[in-house]
Amino acid sequence: MNEDKVPETVVVEPVPETAAVAHPAGKFMWSMALGGPIISWFFHRKELEKSAKSFFLPMLGWNILTNMVDKALTAGSKMTSPETLNVYDILGMVWFFVSIFILGRLGASKIKECLPEYAPEVYKPRERKGIILGVVILVVVFVVAFFAPIFFDLG
């Protein structure tokens, strides 16, 4: 008897996918943290054409909220003696760094959501320009804030 042999079933195991390429923004978007939503949007606007509102408006909202808290802390600081370092001054400094941290984290998550396949060779030069402009603006703001009370009677 010549039995027909049934071919054995070959089980093919799926090949594990290679690790997904990480988004160039990583976990922190420096141009958003240092320059704010306008500067970040300006340098990434070509890629954000279709999703500019969903990127820009939440970041602008967060920026307005942080500025409102900062103004409240500044007003509280002015109610106390200007010669002493008070709780409002310390809270204001802490809030400044916390808001920068949160803005950078939210910016990174939002750009990942709006542009999941942002090419690193396009992202990095634009982000670098945004960081440089953000640092320049921060330095100018700090210098003006430091010297304005000396040269101008703002009280």
Foldseek 3Di string as FASTA:
>chain_A
DDDDDDDDDDDDDDDDDDDDDDDLLPQFQLLCLLVNLVLLCVLCVVVCVPPSCQQRVVRVVLVVVLVVVLVVLVVVCVVDDVVDCDPSNVVNVVSSVVSSRVRGRSNSVSCCVRCVPDDNVSPVVSSVVSNVVSVVVVVVVVVCVVCVVVVDVPD
